[in-house]
Amino acid sequence: MLLNSFWGRFGMNTNKTQYKVISNPLEWFKMVSDDQFTIHNADFSHENYVQVFYSTRLVVLAAFVTCHASLKLYEELKKIDKRVLYFDTDSIIYLRSPGQYRSILGDYLRYFTDEIKKKG
């Protein structure tokens, strides 16, 4: 689920304007022709470079990651079955019973984390 929250950030703040100083004409033409960039303004007042104000659109990547994370969540829900008490976009709360399936826990992508801490 970390995959969902980490990579899903690509879909947030897509209108934020950034700027870049470009001195290579080939780089400028690549940027102008790439659909990922929306160019808002370009300052050609300097002889050796152009200052470009742009925003990026990575909505497709964000949609893919969110969809993939949802599929992983649904796979896990199927395995846990009727023991599920609650779930939302990035978490599952379920009853643990001896001998039944338990989610694999870990600190890396593709693993779940136990967010309920044991109290002493």
C-alpha atoms as a PDB file:
ATOM      1  CA  MET A   1       0.000   0.000   0.000  1.00  0.00           C
ATOM      2  CA  LEU A   2       3.025   2.210   0.344  1.00  0.00           C
ATOM      3  CA  LEU A   3       3.172   1.975  -3.433  1.00  0.00           C
ATOM      4  CA  ASN A   4      -0.222   3.635  -3.585  1.00  0.00           C
ATOM      5  CA  SER A   5       0.647   6.496  -1.248  1.00  0.00           C
ATOM      6  CA  PHE A   6       4.201   7.073  -2.507  1.00  0.00           C
ATOM      7  CA  TRP A   7       3.713   6.911  -6.270  1.00  0.00           C
ATOM      8  CA  GLY A   8       0.162   8.209  -6.084  1.00  0.00           C
ATOM      9  CA  ARG A   9       1.636  11.597  -5.233  1.00  0.00           C
ATOM     10  CA  PHE A  10       2.349  12.034  -8.948  1.00  0.00           C
ATOM     11  CA  GLY A  11      -1.321  12.826  -9.412  1.00  0.00           C
ATOM     12  CA  MET A  12      -1.339  15.547  -6.771  1.00  0.00           C
ATOM     13  CA  ASN A  13      -0.610  19.234  -7.409  1.00  0.00           C
ATOM     14  CA  THR A  14      -0.445  18.735 -11.148  1.00  0.00           C
ATOM     15  CA  ASN A  15      -0.901  22.483 -11.778  1.00  0.00           C
ATOM     16  CA  LYS A  16       2.136  23.575  -9.757  1.00  0.00           C
ATOM     17  CA  THR A  17       4.301  25.752 -11.991  1.00  0.00           C
ATOM     18  CA  GLN A  18       8.018  25.030 -12.119  1.00  0.00           C
ATOM     19  CA  TYR A  19      10.790  26.633 -14.103  1.00  0.00           C
ATOM     20  CA  LYS A  20      13.873  25.435 -15.899  1.00  0.00           C
ATOM     21  CA  VAL A  21      16.772  27.217 -17.560  1.00  0.00           C
ATOM     22  CA  ILE A  22      17.626  25.613 -20.898  1.00  0.00           C
ATOM     23  CA  SER A  23      20.742  26.398 -22.913  1.00  0.00           C
ATOM     24  CA  ASN A  24      20.509  23.527 -25.399  1.00  0.00           C
ATOM     25  CA  PRO A  25      18.056  24.108 -28.304  1.00  0.00           C
ATOM     26  CA  LEU A  26      17.485  20.355 -28.667  1.00  0.00           C
ATOM     27  CA  GLU A  27      16.330  20.136 -25.041  1.00  0.00           C
ATOM     28  CA  TRP A  28      13.932  23.048 -25.644  1.00  0.00           C
ATOM     29  CA  PHE A  29      12.389  21.349 -28.691  1.00  0.00           C
ATOM     30  CA  LYS A  30      12.029  18.053 -26.801  1.00  0.00           C
ATOM     31  CA  MET A  31      10.212  19.843 -23.988  1.00  0.00           C
ATOM     32  CA  VAL A  32       7.885  21.695 -26.363  1.00  0.00           C
ATOM     33  CA  SER A  33       6.933  18.491 -28.189  1.00  0.00           C
ATOM     34  CA  ASP A  34       6.422  16.334 -25.070  1.00  0.00           C
ATOM     35  CA  ASP A  35       2.759  16.018 -23.981  1.00  0.00           C
ATOM     36  CA  GLN A  36       3.869  15.587 -20.372  1.00  0.00           C
ATOM     37  CA  PHE A  37       4.708  19.305 -20.148  1.00  0.00           C
ATOM     38  CA  THR A  38       2.322  22.233 -20.260  1.00  0.00           C
ATOM     39  CA  ILE A  39       4.392  25.324 -21.018  1.00  0.00           C
ATOM     40  CA  HIS A  40       2.962  28.481 -19.470  1.00  0.00           C
ATOM     41  CA  ASN A  41       5.642  30.981 -20.428  1.00  0.00           C
ATOM     42  CA  ALA A  42       9.103  31.156 -21.971  1.00  0.00           C
ATOM     43  CA  ASP A  43      11.553  34.017 -21.494  1.00  0.00           C
ATOM     44  CA  PHE A  44      13.873  34.434 -24.505  1.00  0.00           C
ATOM     45  CA  SER A  45      15.394  37.734 -23.324  1.00  0.00           C
ATOM     46  CA  HIS A  46      18.790  36.135 -22.664  1.00  0.00           C
ATOM     47  CA  GLU A  47      21.128  35.381 -25.527  1.00  0.00           C
ATOM     48  CA  ASN A  48      22.428  31.978 -24.355  1.00  0.00           C
ATOM     49  CA  TYR A  49      19.440  30.397 -22.652  1.00  0.00           C
ATOM     50  CA  VAL A  50      15.669  30.345 -22.306  1.00  0.00           C
ATOM     51  CA  GLN A  51      13.811  30.275 -19.004  1.00  0.00           C
ATOM     52  CA  VAL A  52      10.736  28.037 -19.263  1.00  0.00           C
ATOM     53  CA  PHE A  53       7.796  28.060 -16.849  1.00  0.00           C
ATOM     54  CA  TYR A  54       5.875  24.792 -17.053  1.00  0.00           C
ATOM     55  CA  SER A  55       3.816  22.225 -15.188  1.00  0.00           C
ATOM     56  CA  THR A  56       3.881  18.457 -15.570  1.00  0.00           C
ATOM     57  CA  ARG A  57       1.060  16.009 -15.968  1.00  0.00           C
ATOM     58  CA  LEU A  58       1.713  12.532 -14.642  1.00  0.00           C
ATOM     59  CA  VAL A  59      -1.947  11.676 -14.179  1.00  0.00           C
ATOM     60  CA  VAL A  60      -1.640   8.453 -16.191  1.00  0.00           C
ATOM     61  CA  LEU A  61       1.122   7.186 -13.900  1.00  0.00           C
ATOM     62  CA  ALA A  62      -0.874   8.137 -10.803  1.00  0.00           C
ATOM     63  CA  ALA A  63      -3.976   6.391 -12.158  1.00  0.00           C
ATOM     64  CA  PHE A  64      -2.008   3.238 -12.989  1.00  0.00           C
ATOM     65  CA  VAL A  65      -0.398   3.049  -9.549  1.00  0.00           C
ATOM     66  CA  THR A  66      -3.679   3.686  -7.740  1.00  0.00           C
ATOM     67  CA  CYS A  67      -5.419   1.016  -9.825  1.00  0.00           C
ATOM     68  CA  HIS A  68      -2.614  -1.497  -9.239  1.00  0.00           C
ATOM     69  CA  ALA A  69      -2.680  -0.851  -5.477  1.00  0.00           C
ATOM     70  CA  SER A  70      -6.468  -1.357  -5.466  1.00  0.00           C
ATOM     71  CA  LEU A  71      -6.071  -4.706  -7.233  1.00  0.00           C
ATOM     72  CA  LYS A  72      -3.530  -5.802  -4.613  1.00  0.00           C
ATOM     73  CA  LEU A  73      -5.919  -4.692  -1.865  1.00  0.00           C
ATOM     74  CA  TYR A  74      -8.779  -6.731  -3.391  1.00  0.00           C
ATOM     75  CA  GLU A  75      -6.526  -9.809  -3.706  1.00  0.00           C
ATOM     76  CA  GLU A  76      -5.729  -9.527  -0.020  1.00  0.00           C
ATOM     77  CA  LEU A  77      -9.402  -9.032   0.887  1.00  0.00           C
ATOM     78  CA  LYS A  78     -10.254 -12.271  -0.953  1.00  0.00           C
ATOM     79  CA  LYS A  79      -7.655 -14.188   1.063  1.00  0.00           C
ATOM     80  CA  ILE A  80      -8.841 -12.784   4.399  1.00  0.00           C
ATOM     81  CA  ASP A  81     -12.480 -13.350   3.412  1.00  0.00           C
ATOM     82  CA  LYS A  82     -15.120 -12.941   6.147  1.00  0.00           C
ATOM     83  CA  ARG A  83     -12.651 -11.953   8.880  1.00  0.00           C
ATOM     84  CA  VAL A  84     -12.435  -8.402   7.470  1.00  0.00           C
ATOM     85  CA  LEU A  85     -13.792  -5.825   9.912  1.00  0.00           C
ATOM     86  CA  TYR A  86     -12.919  -2.673   7.962  1.00  0.00           C
ATOM     87  CA  PHE A  87     -10.985  -1.591   4.887  1.00  0.00           C
ATOM     88  CA  ASP A  88     -10.401   1.567   2.878  1.00  0.00           C
ATOM     89  CA  THR A  89      -8.052   2.563   0.074  1.00  0.00           C
ATOM     90  CA  ASP A  90      -4.838   1.655   1.880  1.00  0.00           C
ATOM     91  CA  SER A  91      -5.605  -0.459   4.944  1.00  0.00           C
ATOM     92  CA  ILE A  92      -7.365  -3.581   6.171  1.00  0.00           C
ATOM     93  CA  ILE A  93      -8.446  -4.358   9.722  1.00  0.00           C
ATOM     94  CA  TYR A  94      -9.275  -8.022  10.246  1.00  0.00           C
ATOM     95  CA  LEU A  95      -9.515 -10.719  12.912  1.00  0.00           C
ATOM     96  CA  ARG A  96      -6.503 -13.002  13.236  1.00  0.00           C
ATOM     97  CA  SER A  97      -7.240 -16.641  13.946  1.00  0.00           C
ATOM     98  CA  PRO A  98      -4.729 -19.490  14.425  1.00  0.00           C
ATOM     99  CA  GLY A  99      -4.269 -21.598  11.314  1.00  0.00           C
ATOM    100  CA  GLN A 100      -5.861 -19.081   8.955  1.00  0.00           C
ATOM    101  CA  TYR A 101      -4.194 -16.883   6.349  1.00  0.00           C
ATOM    102  CA  ARG A 102      -2.203 -13.895   7.651  1.00  0.00           C
ATOM    103  CA  SER A 103      -0.962 -11.019   5.523  1.00  0.00           C
ATOM    104  CA  ILE A 104       2.776 -10.934   4.921  1.00  0.00           C
ATOM    105  CA  LEU A 105       4.268  -8.000   6.815  1.00  0.00           C
ATOM    106  CA  GLY A 106       7.380  -6.028   5.873  1.00  0.00           C
ATOM    107  CA  ASP A 107       8.924  -2.612   5.433  1.00  0.00           C
ATOM    108  CA  TYR A 108       9.266  -2.606   1.645  1.00  0.00           C
ATOM    109  CA  LEU A 109       6.966  -2.180  -1.340  1.00  0.00           C
ATOM    110  CA  ARG A 110       4.442  -5.005  -1.823  1.00  0.00           C
ATOM    111  CA  TYR A 111       4.307  -5.734   1.931  1.00  0.00           C
ATOM    112  CA  PHE A 112       1.756  -4.641   4.486  1.00  0.00           C
ATOM    113  CA  THR A 113       2.703  -3.017   7.772  1.00  0.00           C
ATOM    114  CA  ASP A 114       1.104  -3.619  11.153  1.00  0.00           C
ATOM    115  CA  GLU A 115      -0.156  -0.202  12.159  1.00  0.00           C
ATOM    116  CA  ILE A 116      -1.781  -1.373  15.384  1.00  0.00           C
ATOM    117  CA  LYS A 117       0.927  -1.409  18.032  1.00  0.00           C
ATOM    118  CA  LYS A 118       0.784  -4.002  20.792  1.00  0.00           C
ATOM    119  CA  LYS A 119       0.224  -2.453  24.183  1.00  0.00           C
ATOM    120  CA  GLY A 120       2.406  -3.791  27.013  1.00  0.00           C
END
